[in-house]
């Protein structure tokens, strides 16, 4: 059953995190992105058909916008005991195989997902230089099984505005995906 993102209030500050990267084991913290013009925090996972559907486009987005200075991090908060495909070892395998240009963090306690009020995968949160939420919503209008191409149009419009110092579009559509698999 598909779930939509909670659409946290714009202006909400980014919650702190210190989580291990599945591929390297390195601890990645919110403050590691302090010098970036913005930060995208994406809640993803390995098994979700909605994430699988946008993954190539998300990786392309991350390469392009990471090169423009945007901080990007993905977090998997799913319970690996019920969804073994989302276990840290599987996350590391996927991240290496697909050459993720961003850290893929393990939120084993699910505390970070709760702090961000993440509801689904993918659930995307874009923060400005000041660490305040400027966009929360869908990557684009494409869904598994649809003929709508994956473009990242919605997130790209928000990131372009943020990086240009312009207001982020006010119309923001919730992300749709699989629910976070809570313990």
N, C-alpha and C. Protein backbone atom coordinates (compact mmCIF):
# COMPACT_ATOMS: atom_id res chain seq x y z
N UNK A 1 0.83 -1.18 0.00
CA UNK A 1 0.00 0.00 0.00
C UNK A 1 0.88 1.25 0.00
N UNK A 2 0.60 2.17 -0.88
CA UNK A 2 1.39 3.39 -0.99
C UNK A 2 1.06 4.35 0.16
N UNK A 3 2.10 5.05 0.60
CA UNK A 3 2.00 6.03 1.68
C UNK A 3 2.55 7.34 1.14
N UNK A 4 2.03 8.46 1.62
CA UNK A 4 2.56 9.76 1.22
C UNK A 4 3.38 10.38 2.35
N UNK A 5 4.31 11.25 1.96
CA UNK A 5 5.14 11.95 2.94
C UNK A 5 4.27 12.86 3.81
N UNK A 6 4.77 13.18 4.99
CA UNK A 6 4.02 13.94 5.98
C UNK A 6 3.97 15.44 5.68
N UNK A 7 4.82 15.92 4.80
CA UNK A 7 4.86 17.34 4.42
C UNK A 7 5.10 18.23 5.65
N UNK A 8 6.23 18.01 6.29
CA UNK A 8 6.63 18.83 7.43
C UNK A 8 6.54 20.31 7.10
N UNK A 9 6.31 21.16 8.10
CA UNK A 9 6.24 22.60 7.83
C UNK A 9 7.56 23.13 7.25
N UNK A 10 7.44 23.95 6.21
CA UNK A 10 8.63 24.61 5.67
C UNK A 10 9.24 25.46 6.77
N UNK A 11 10.56 25.55 6.77
CA UNK A 11 11.26 26.28 7.82
C UNK A 11 11.70 25.40 8.98
N UNK A 12 11.23 24.16 9.02
CA UNK A 12 11.65 23.23 10.07
C UNK A 12 13.16 23.01 9.97
N UNK A 13 13.89 23.09 11.09
CA UNK A 13 15.33 22.85 11.02
C UNK A 13 15.66 21.38 10.80
N UNK A 14 16.76 21.14 10.11
CA UNK A 14 17.24 19.77 9.90
C UNK A 14 17.61 19.16 11.25
N UNK A 15 17.19 17.94 11.47
CA UNK A 15 17.52 17.24 12.71
C UNK A 15 18.95 16.72 12.62
N UNK A 16 19.67 16.76 13.72
CA UNK A 16 21.03 16.24 13.70
C UNK A 16 21.05 14.72 13.49
N UNK A 17 22.12 14.25 12.89
CA UNK A 17 22.32 12.81 12.74
C UNK A 17 23.81 12.52 12.75
N UNK A 18 24.15 11.31 13.15
CA UNK A 18 25.51 10.78 13.09
C UNK A 18 25.33 9.29 12.84
N UNK A 19 25.43 8.90 11.57
CA UNK A 19 25.12 7.53 11.16
C UNK A 19 26.24 6.95 10.32
N UNK A 20 26.41 5.62 10.36
CA UNK A 20 27.45 5.00 9.55
C UNK A 20 27.03 4.87 8.08
N UNK A 21 27.97 5.13 7.20
CA UNK A 21 27.78 4.88 5.78
C UNK A 21 27.90 3.37 5.57
N UNK A 22 26.92 2.79 4.92
CA UNK A 22 26.90 1.33 4.73
C UNK A 22 28.14 0.83 3.99
N UNK A 23 28.60 1.59 3.00
CA UNK A 23 29.71 1.12 2.17
C UNK A 23 31.07 1.30 2.84
N UNK A 24 31.28 2.42 3.55
CA UNK A 24 32.61 2.70 4.10
C UNK A 24 32.70 2.51 5.61
N UNK A 25 31.56 2.53 6.30
CA UNK A 25 31.57 2.46 7.76
C UNK A 25 31.84 3.80 8.42
N UNK A 26 32.21 4.80 7.63
CA UNK A 26 32.51 6.14 8.15
C UNK A 26 31.24 6.77 8.73
N UNK A 27 31.37 7.43 9.86
CA UNK A 27 30.24 8.13 10.47
C UNK A 27 30.05 9.47 9.74
N UNK A 28 28.85 9.70 9.29
CA UNK A 28 28.50 10.94 8.58
C UNK A 28 27.55 11.71 9.48
N UNK A 29 27.84 13.00 9.64
CA UNK A 29 27.07 13.86 10.53
C UNK A 29 26.44 15.02 9.76
N UNK A 30 25.36 15.54 10.29
CA UNK A 30 24.72 16.71 9.69
C UNK A 30 25.73 17.83 9.51
N UNK A 31 26.55 18.07 10.52
CA UNK A 31 27.49 19.19 10.44
C UNK A 31 28.56 19.01 9.36
N UNK A 32 28.72 17.82 8.82
CA UNK A 32 29.65 17.60 7.71
C UNK A 32 29.25 18.41 6.47
N UNK A 33 27.99 18.85 6.42
CA UNK A 33 27.48 19.56 5.25
C UNK A 33 27.31 21.06 5.53
N UNK A 34 27.91 21.55 6.61
CA UNK A 34 27.72 22.94 7.04
C UNK A 34 28.14 23.95 5.98
N UNK A 35 29.11 23.68 5.16
CA UNK A 35 29.56 24.64 4.16
C UNK A 35 28.80 24.58 2.85
N UNK A 36 27.90 23.63 2.71
CA UNK A 36 27.17 23.46 1.45
C UNK A 36 26.06 24.51 1.32
N UNK A 37 25.70 24.86 0.09
CA UNK A 37 24.60 25.81 -0.12
C UNK A 37 23.23 25.22 0.21
N UNK A 38 23.19 23.92 0.43
CA UNK A 38 21.97 23.23 0.78
C UNK A 38 22.26 21.77 1.01
N UNK A 39 21.28 21.07 1.55
CA UNK A 39 21.44 19.65 1.83
C UNK A 39 20.15 18.92 1.49
N UNK A 40 20.27 17.86 0.71
CA UNK A 40 19.15 16.96 0.44
C UNK A 40 19.32 15.73 1.31
N UNK A 41 18.31 15.46 2.13
CA UNK A 41 18.26 14.24 2.93
C UNK A 41 17.16 13.39 2.33
N UNK A 42 17.54 12.25 1.76
CA UNK A 42 16.58 11.36 1.13
C UNK A 42 16.48 10.05 1.87
N UNK A 43 15.28 9.69 2.27
CA UNK A 43 15.05 8.39 2.89
C UNK A 43 14.73 7.41 1.76
N UNK A 44 15.63 6.45 1.58
CA UNK A 44 15.54 5.46 0.52
C UNK A 44 15.65 4.07 1.15
N UNK A 45 15.53 3.06 0.33
CA UNK A 45 15.81 1.69 0.75
C UNK A 45 16.06 0.87 -0.49
N UNK A 46 16.46 -0.36 -0.31
CA UNK A 46 16.78 -1.21 -1.46
C UNK A 46 15.56 -1.88 -2.07
N UNK A 47 14.58 -2.27 -1.26
CA UNK A 47 13.52 -3.16 -1.74
C UNK A 47 12.33 -2.44 -2.38
N UNK A 48 12.11 -1.18 -2.08
CA UNK A 48 10.89 -0.48 -2.47
C UNK A 48 10.80 -0.28 -3.99
N UNK A 49 9.69 -0.68 -4.62
CA UNK A 49 9.56 -0.47 -6.07
C UNK A 49 9.53 1.01 -6.46
N UNK A 50 9.10 1.89 -5.57
CA UNK A 50 9.10 3.32 -5.87
C UNK A 50 10.53 3.86 -5.91
N UNK A 51 11.36 3.40 -5.00
CA UNK A 51 12.78 3.81 -5.02
C UNK A 51 13.48 3.21 -6.24
N UNK A 52 13.24 1.93 -6.49
CA UNK A 52 13.86 1.29 -7.65
C UNK A 52 13.49 2.04 -8.93
N UNK A 53 12.26 2.50 -9.00
CA UNK A 53 11.76 3.19 -10.19
C UNK A 53 12.52 4.50 -10.46
N UNK A 54 12.85 5.24 -9.40
CA UNK A 54 13.52 6.54 -9.60
C UNK A 54 15.03 6.48 -9.41
N UNK A 55 15.57 5.33 -9.01
CA UNK A 55 16.96 5.28 -8.57
C UNK A 55 17.96 5.80 -9.61
N UNK A 56 17.83 5.41 -10.87
CA UNK A 56 18.76 5.92 -11.89
C UNK A 56 18.68 7.44 -11.96
N UNK A 57 17.47 7.98 -11.97
CA UNK A 57 17.29 9.43 -12.01
C UNK A 57 17.82 10.11 -10.77
N UNK A 58 17.65 9.47 -9.61
CA UNK A 58 18.16 10.04 -8.37
C UNK A 58 19.68 10.09 -8.38
N UNK A 59 20.29 9.02 -8.85
CA UNK A 59 21.77 8.98 -8.94
C UNK A 59 22.25 10.07 -9.91
N UNK A 60 21.60 10.22 -11.05
CA UNK A 60 21.96 11.28 -12.00
C UNK A 60 21.81 12.66 -11.36
N UNK A 61 20.70 12.86 -10.64
CA UNK A 61 20.48 14.12 -9.93
C UNK A 61 21.63 14.37 -8.96
N UNK A 62 21.98 13.36 -8.18
CA UNK A 62 23.03 13.50 -7.18
C UNK A 62 24.38 13.84 -7.81
N UNK A 63 24.70 13.24 -8.93
CA UNK A 63 25.96 13.55 -9.61
C UNK A 63 25.96 15.01 -10.08
N UNK A 64 24.87 15.41 -10.71
CA UNK A 64 24.77 16.76 -11.25
C UNK A 64 24.76 17.83 -10.16
N UNK A 65 23.93 17.65 -9.17
CA UNK A 65 23.77 18.70 -8.15
C UNK A 65 24.86 18.63 -7.09
N UNK A 66 25.41 17.44 -6.87
CA UNK A 66 26.57 17.34 -5.98
C UNK A 66 27.74 18.11 -6.56
N UNK A 67 27.91 18.05 -7.89
CA UNK A 67 28.98 18.81 -8.55
C UNK A 67 28.75 20.31 -8.44
N UNK A 68 27.50 20.71 -8.20
CA UNK A 68 27.17 22.13 -8.04
C UNK A 68 27.24 22.56 -6.57
N UNK A 69 27.65 21.64 -5.70
CA UNK A 69 27.86 21.99 -4.30
C UNK A 69 26.79 21.52 -3.34
N UNK A 70 25.67 21.01 -3.85
CA UNK A 70 24.60 20.57 -2.96
C UNK A 70 25.05 19.34 -2.18
N UNK A 71 24.88 19.37 -0.88
CA UNK A 71 25.13 18.19 -0.06
C UNK A 71 24.00 17.20 -0.27
N UNK A 72 24.33 15.93 -0.35
CA UNK A 72 23.32 14.90 -0.58
C UNK A 72 23.66 13.69 0.28
N UNK A 73 22.64 13.19 0.97
CA UNK A 73 22.80 11.99 1.78
C UNK A 73 21.52 11.18 1.69
N UNK A 74 21.67 9.86 1.63
CA UNK A 74 20.52 8.96 1.64
C UNK A 74 20.58 8.16 2.94
N UNK A 75 19.41 7.87 3.48
CA UNK A 75 19.31 7.15 4.74
C UNK A 75 18.30 6.02 4.57
N UNK A 76 18.67 4.83 5.03
CA UNK A 76 17.74 3.71 5.08
C UNK A 76 17.43 3.44 6.54
N UNK A 77 16.15 3.52 6.87
CA UNK A 77 15.69 3.34 8.25
C UNK A 77 14.85 2.08 8.43
N UNK A 78 14.71 1.30 7.40
CA UNK A 78 13.83 0.13 7.48
C UNK A 78 14.37 -0.94 8.43
N UNK A 79 13.45 -1.68 9.02
CA UNK A 79 13.78 -2.81 9.88
C UNK A 79 14.31 -3.94 9.01
N UNK A 80 15.59 -4.21 9.10
CA UNK A 80 16.22 -5.24 8.26
C UNK A 80 15.82 -6.65 8.69
N UNK A 81 15.30 -6.81 9.90
CA UNK A 81 14.88 -8.16 10.32
C UNK A 81 13.63 -8.60 9.55
N UNK A 82 12.79 -7.65 9.16
CA UNK A 82 11.60 -7.99 8.37
C UNK A 82 11.83 -7.76 6.87
N UNK A 83 12.84 -6.97 6.54
CA UNK A 83 13.16 -6.67 5.14
C UNK A 83 14.67 -6.82 4.93
N UNK A 84 15.16 -8.07 4.85
CA UNK A 84 16.60 -8.32 4.78
C UNK A 84 17.29 -7.67 3.58
N UNK A 85 16.53 -7.34 2.54
CA UNK A 85 17.13 -6.66 1.38
C UNK A 85 17.63 -5.26 1.76
N UNK A 86 17.12 -4.74 2.89
CA UNK A 86 17.52 -3.42 3.36
C UNK A 86 18.58 -3.48 4.46
N UNK A 87 19.18 -4.63 4.66
CA UNK A 87 20.25 -4.79 5.66
C UNK A 87 21.48 -3.99 5.23
N UNK A 88 22.30 -3.57 6.18
CA UNK A 88 23.49 -2.78 5.85
C UNK A 88 24.39 -3.43 4.80
N UNK A 89 24.56 -4.74 4.85
CA UNK A 89 25.43 -5.40 3.85
C UNK A 89 24.83 -5.27 2.45
N UNK A 90 23.51 -5.37 2.34
CA UNK A 90 22.84 -5.22 1.05
C UNK A 90 22.88 -3.77 0.58
N UNK A 91 22.76 -2.85 1.52
CA UNK A 91 22.89 -1.43 1.19
C UNK A 91 24.27 -1.15 0.61
N UNK A 92 25.30 -1.69 1.27
CA UNK A 92 26.68 -1.49 0.81
C UNK A 92 26.88 -2.07 -0.59
N UNK A 93 26.32 -3.26 -0.82
CA UNK A 93 26.44 -3.88 -2.14
C UNK A 93 25.80 -3.01 -3.21
N UNK A 94 24.60 -2.50 -2.95
CA UNK A 94 23.92 -1.64 -3.91
C UNK A 94 24.69 -0.34 -4.14
N UNK A 95 25.13 0.27 -3.06
CA UNK A 95 25.85 1.54 -3.17
C UNK A 95 27.12 1.39 -4.01
N UNK A 96 27.84 0.30 -3.81
CA UNK A 96 29.07 0.06 -4.59
C UNK A 96 28.74 -0.28 -6.04
N UNK A 97 27.76 -1.16 -6.23
CA UNK A 97 27.41 -1.60 -7.59
C UNK A 97 26.93 -0.44 -8.45
N UNK A 98 26.21 0.49 -7.84
CA UNK A 98 25.65 1.61 -8.57
C UNK A 98 26.50 2.87 -8.44
N UNK A 99 27.64 2.77 -7.76
CA UNK A 99 28.56 3.90 -7.58
C UNK A 99 27.83 5.14 -7.06
N UNK A 100 27.12 4.96 -5.94
CA UNK A 100 26.40 6.09 -5.36
C UNK A 100 27.35 7.26 -5.13
N UNK A 101 26.99 8.44 -5.62
CA UNK A 101 27.83 9.63 -5.39
C UNK A 101 27.44 10.36 -4.09
N UNK A 102 26.89 9.64 -3.16
CA UNK A 102 26.45 10.18 -1.87
C UNK A 102 26.56 9.05 -0.85
N UNK A 103 26.70 9.40 0.42
CA UNK A 103 26.71 8.36 1.45
C UNK A 103 25.31 7.76 1.61
N UNK A 104 25.27 6.47 1.87
CA UNK A 104 24.02 5.73 2.09
C UNK A 104 24.07 5.24 3.53
N UNK A 105 23.35 5.93 4.38
CA UNK A 105 23.50 5.77 5.82
C UNK A 105 22.51 4.78 6.42
N UNK A 106 22.96 4.10 7.46
CA UNK A 106 22.17 3.10 8.16
C UNK A 106 21.59 3.73 9.42
N UNK A 107 20.26 3.79 9.49
CA UNK A 107 19.55 4.31 10.66
C UNK A 107 18.91 3.13 11.38
N UNK A 108 19.76 2.31 11.99
CA UNK A 108 19.28 1.06 12.59
C UNK A 108 18.27 1.30 13.71
N UNK A 109 18.46 2.34 14.49
CA UNK A 109 17.55 2.63 15.61
C UNK A 109 16.25 3.28 15.13
N UNK A 110 16.24 3.78 13.93
CA UNK A 110 15.12 4.50 13.32
C UNK A 110 14.88 5.86 13.97
N UNK A 111 15.78 6.30 14.84
CA UNK A 111 15.63 7.58 15.52
C UNK A 111 15.69 8.75 14.55
N UNK A 112 16.53 8.65 13.53
CA UNK A 112 16.66 9.75 12.57
C UNK A 112 15.39 9.85 11.72
N UNK A 113 14.86 8.72 11.27
CA UNK A 113 13.60 8.74 10.51
C UNK A 113 12.50 9.39 11.34
N UNK A 114 12.44 9.07 12.61
CA UNK A 114 11.43 9.67 13.49
C UNK A 114 11.66 11.18 13.65
N UNK A 115 12.92 11.57 13.79
CA UNK A 115 13.25 13.00 13.95
C UNK A 115 12.86 13.81 12.71
N UNK A 116 12.96 13.20 11.54
CA UNK A 116 12.60 13.87 10.29
C UNK A 116 11.12 13.68 9.93
N UNK A 117 10.41 12.85 10.70
CA UNK A 117 9.02 12.50 10.40
C UNK A 117 8.93 11.87 9.01
N UNK A 118 9.95 11.07 8.66
CA UNK A 118 9.92 10.36 7.38
C UNK A 118 8.81 9.33 7.43
N UNK A 119 8.06 9.22 6.35
CA UNK A 119 6.92 8.33 6.32
C UNK A 119 7.04 7.25 5.25
N UNK A 120 7.79 7.54 4.20
CA UNK A 120 7.82 6.62 3.07
C UNK A 120 9.20 6.63 2.41
N UNK A 121 9.36 5.70 1.48
CA UNK A 121 10.56 5.68 0.64
C UNK A 121 10.09 5.74 -0.81
N UNK A 122 10.56 6.74 -1.54
CA UNK A 122 11.46 7.81 -1.13
C UNK A 122 10.71 8.92 -0.38
N UNK A 123 11.40 9.53 0.56
CA UNK A 123 10.90 10.73 1.24
C UNK A 123 12.06 11.72 1.20
N UNK A 124 11.84 12.86 0.59
CA UNK A 124 12.92 13.81 0.27
C UNK A 124 12.75 15.13 1.00
N UNK A 125 13.84 15.58 1.62
CA UNK A 125 13.85 16.82 2.40
C UNK A 125 15.02 17.67 1.94
N UNK A 126 14.74 18.86 1.43
CA UNK A 126 15.78 19.76 0.95
C UNK A 126 15.88 20.95 1.91
N UNK A 127 17.08 21.19 2.41
CA UNK A 127 17.34 22.26 3.37
C UNK A 127 18.24 23.32 2.75
N UNK A 128 18.00 24.56 3.12
CA UNK A 128 18.83 25.66 2.66
C UNK A 128 20.11 25.76 3.45
N UNK A 129 20.94 26.70 3.07
CA UNK A 129 22.23 26.93 3.73
C UNK A 129 22.06 27.12 5.24
N UNK A 130 20.92 27.70 5.64
CA UNK A 130 20.64 27.95 7.05
C UNK A 130 20.12 26.72 7.79
N UNK A 131 20.02 25.58 7.10
CA UNK A 131 19.58 24.35 7.73
C UNK A 131 18.07 24.25 7.92
N UNK A 132 17.32 25.10 7.22
CA UNK A 132 15.86 25.08 7.34
C UNK A 132 15.23 24.49 6.08
N UNK A 133 14.15 23.76 6.29
CA UNK A 133 13.46 23.04 5.22
C UNK A 133 12.86 24.00 4.20
N UNK A 134 13.22 23.79 2.92
CA UNK A 134 12.67 24.61 1.84
C UNK A 134 11.83 23.78 0.87
N UNK A 135 12.02 22.45 0.88
CA UNK A 135 11.25 21.58 -0.01
C UNK A 135 11.11 20.22 0.64
N UNK A 136 9.91 19.69 0.56
CA UNK A 136 9.65 18.31 0.94
C UNK A 136 8.58 17.83 -0.03
N UNK A 137 8.87 16.73 -0.68
CA UNK A 137 7.90 16.26 -1.65
C UNK A 137 8.49 15.26 -2.61
N UNK A 138 7.80 15.12 -3.73
CA UNK A 138 8.13 14.08 -4.69
C UNK A 138 9.36 14.44 -5.53
N UNK A 139 10.00 13.39 -6.04
CA UNK A 139 11.10 13.55 -6.99
C UNK A 139 10.52 14.10 -8.29
N UNK A 140 9.43 13.46 -8.73
CA UNK A 140 8.68 13.89 -9.91
C UNK A 140 7.36 13.13 -9.91
N UNK A 141 6.58 13.27 -10.96
CA UNK A 141 5.25 12.65 -11.04
C UNK A 141 5.27 11.21 -11.53
N UNK A 142 6.42 10.66 -11.85
CA UNK A 142 6.50 9.29 -12.34
C UNK A 142 6.31 8.30 -11.19
N UNK A 143 5.63 7.20 -11.50
CA UNK A 143 5.41 6.14 -10.53
C UNK A 143 5.64 4.80 -11.24
N UNK A 144 5.93 3.76 -10.47
CA UNK A 144 6.10 2.44 -11.10
C UNK A 144 4.88 2.08 -11.95
N UNK A 145 5.13 1.63 -13.15
CA UNK A 145 4.06 1.22 -14.05
C UNK A 145 3.46 2.35 -14.87
N UNK A 146 3.86 3.60 -14.58
CA UNK A 146 3.32 4.72 -15.35
C UNK A 146 4.16 4.95 -16.60
N UNK A 147 3.58 5.66 -17.55
CA UNK A 147 4.32 6.01 -18.77
C UNK A 147 5.03 7.36 -18.62
N UNK A 148 4.84 8.01 -17.47
CA UNK A 148 5.49 9.29 -17.20
C UNK A 148 6.98 9.03 -16.95
N UNK A 149 7.87 9.68 -17.71
CA UNK A 149 9.29 9.42 -17.52
C UNK A 149 9.81 9.98 -16.19
N UNK A 150 10.86 9.35 -15.69
CA UNK A 150 11.53 9.81 -14.48
C UNK A 150 12.46 10.95 -14.88
N UNK A 151 12.19 12.15 -14.38
CA UNK A 151 12.99 13.33 -14.72
C UNK A 151 13.55 14.04 -13.49
N UNK A 152 12.92 13.82 -12.34
CA UNK A 152 13.31 14.58 -11.15
C UNK A 152 12.84 16.02 -11.20
N UNK A 153 11.88 16.31 -12.05
CA UNK A 153 11.44 17.68 -12.32
C UNK A 153 11.12 18.48 -11.06
N UNK A 154 10.39 17.91 -10.13
CA UNK A 154 9.99 18.67 -8.94
C UNK A 154 11.20 19.00 -8.05
N UNK A 155 12.01 18.00 -7.79
CA UNK A 155 13.19 18.23 -6.95
C UNK A 155 14.19 19.13 -7.67
N UNK A 156 14.35 18.96 -8.97
CA UNK A 156 15.27 19.82 -9.73
C UNK A 156 14.84 21.29 -9.66
N UNK A 157 13.54 21.54 -9.78
CA UNK A 157 13.05 22.93 -9.72
C UNK A 157 13.36 23.53 -8.35
N UNK A 158 13.18 22.76 -7.31
CA UNK A 158 13.47 23.25 -5.96
C UNK A 158 14.97 23.49 -5.77
N UNK A 159 15.78 22.53 -6.20
CA UNK A 159 17.24 22.66 -6.04
C UNK A 159 17.79 23.80 -6.90
N UNK A 160 17.27 23.96 -8.12
CA UNK A 160 17.72 25.06 -8.98
C UNK A 160 17.42 26.41 -8.33
N UNK A 161 16.21 26.55 -7.79
CA UNK A 161 15.85 27.80 -7.13
C UNK A 161 16.74 28.04 -5.91
N UNK A 162 16.93 27.02 -5.10
CA UNK A 162 17.77 27.15 -3.91
C UNK A 162 19.18 27.59 -4.28
N UNK A 163 19.78 26.92 -5.26
CA UNK A 163 21.16 27.22 -5.64
C UNK A 163 21.30 28.59 -6.31
N UNK A 164 20.19 29.09 -6.90
CA UNK A 164 20.21 30.41 -7.54
C UNK A 164 19.84 31.52 -6.55
N UNK A 165 19.57 31.16 -5.30
CA UNK A 165 19.19 32.16 -4.30
C UNK A 165 17.78 32.68 -4.50
N UNK A 166 16.95 31.92 -5.19
CA UNK A 166 15.56 32.30 -5.47
C UNK A 166 14.61 31.53 -4.55
N UNK A 167 13.38 32.00 -4.41
CA UNK A 167 12.41 31.24 -3.62
C UNK A 167 12.11 29.89 -4.28
N UNK A 168 12.00 28.88 -3.46
CA UNK A 168 11.66 27.54 -3.94
C UNK A 168 10.17 27.54 -4.27
N UNK A 169 9.77 26.88 -5.36
CA UNK A 169 8.35 26.85 -5.72
C UNK A 169 7.47 26.46 -4.53
N UNK A 170 6.39 27.21 -4.35
CA UNK A 170 5.49 26.98 -3.22
C UNK A 170 4.65 25.72 -3.39
N UNK A 171 4.34 25.38 -4.65
CA UNK A 171 3.56 24.17 -4.89
C UNK A 171 4.47 22.96 -4.75
N UNK A 172 4.19 22.17 -3.73
CA UNK A 172 5.00 20.99 -3.46
C UNK A 172 4.06 19.81 -3.24
N UNK A 173 4.28 18.74 -3.99
CA UNK A 173 3.41 17.56 -3.98
C UNK A 173 4.08 16.48 -3.13
N UNK A 174 3.32 15.88 -2.22
CA UNK A 174 3.92 14.84 -1.36
C UNK A 174 4.55 13.72 -2.17
N UNK A 175 5.61 13.17 -1.62
CA UNK A 175 6.20 11.97 -2.19
C UNK A 175 5.27 10.80 -1.89
N UNK A 176 5.29 9.82 -2.77
CA UNK A 176 4.50 8.60 -2.59
C UNK A 176 5.45 7.42 -2.67
N UNK A 177 5.28 6.47 -1.77
CA UNK A 177 6.14 5.29 -1.81
C UNK A 177 5.72 4.26 -0.78
N UNK A 178 6.62 3.34 -0.51
CA UNK A 178 6.40 2.32 0.50
C UNK A 178 6.56 2.95 1.88
N UNK A 179 5.82 2.45 2.84
CA UNK A 179 5.96 2.97 4.20
C UNK A 179 7.33 2.61 4.76
N UNK A 180 7.83 3.42 5.67
CA UNK A 180 9.01 3.04 6.44
C UNK A 180 8.64 1.76 7.20
N UNK A 181 9.51 0.79 7.20
CA UNK A 181 9.24 -0.49 7.87
C UNK A 181 9.72 -0.37 9.32
N UNK A 182 8.79 0.05 10.17
CA UNK A 182 9.12 0.31 11.59
C UNK A 182 9.30 -0.99 12.36
N UNK A 183 10.14 -0.93 13.36
CA UNK A 183 10.34 -2.08 14.25
C UNK A 183 9.14 -2.23 15.16
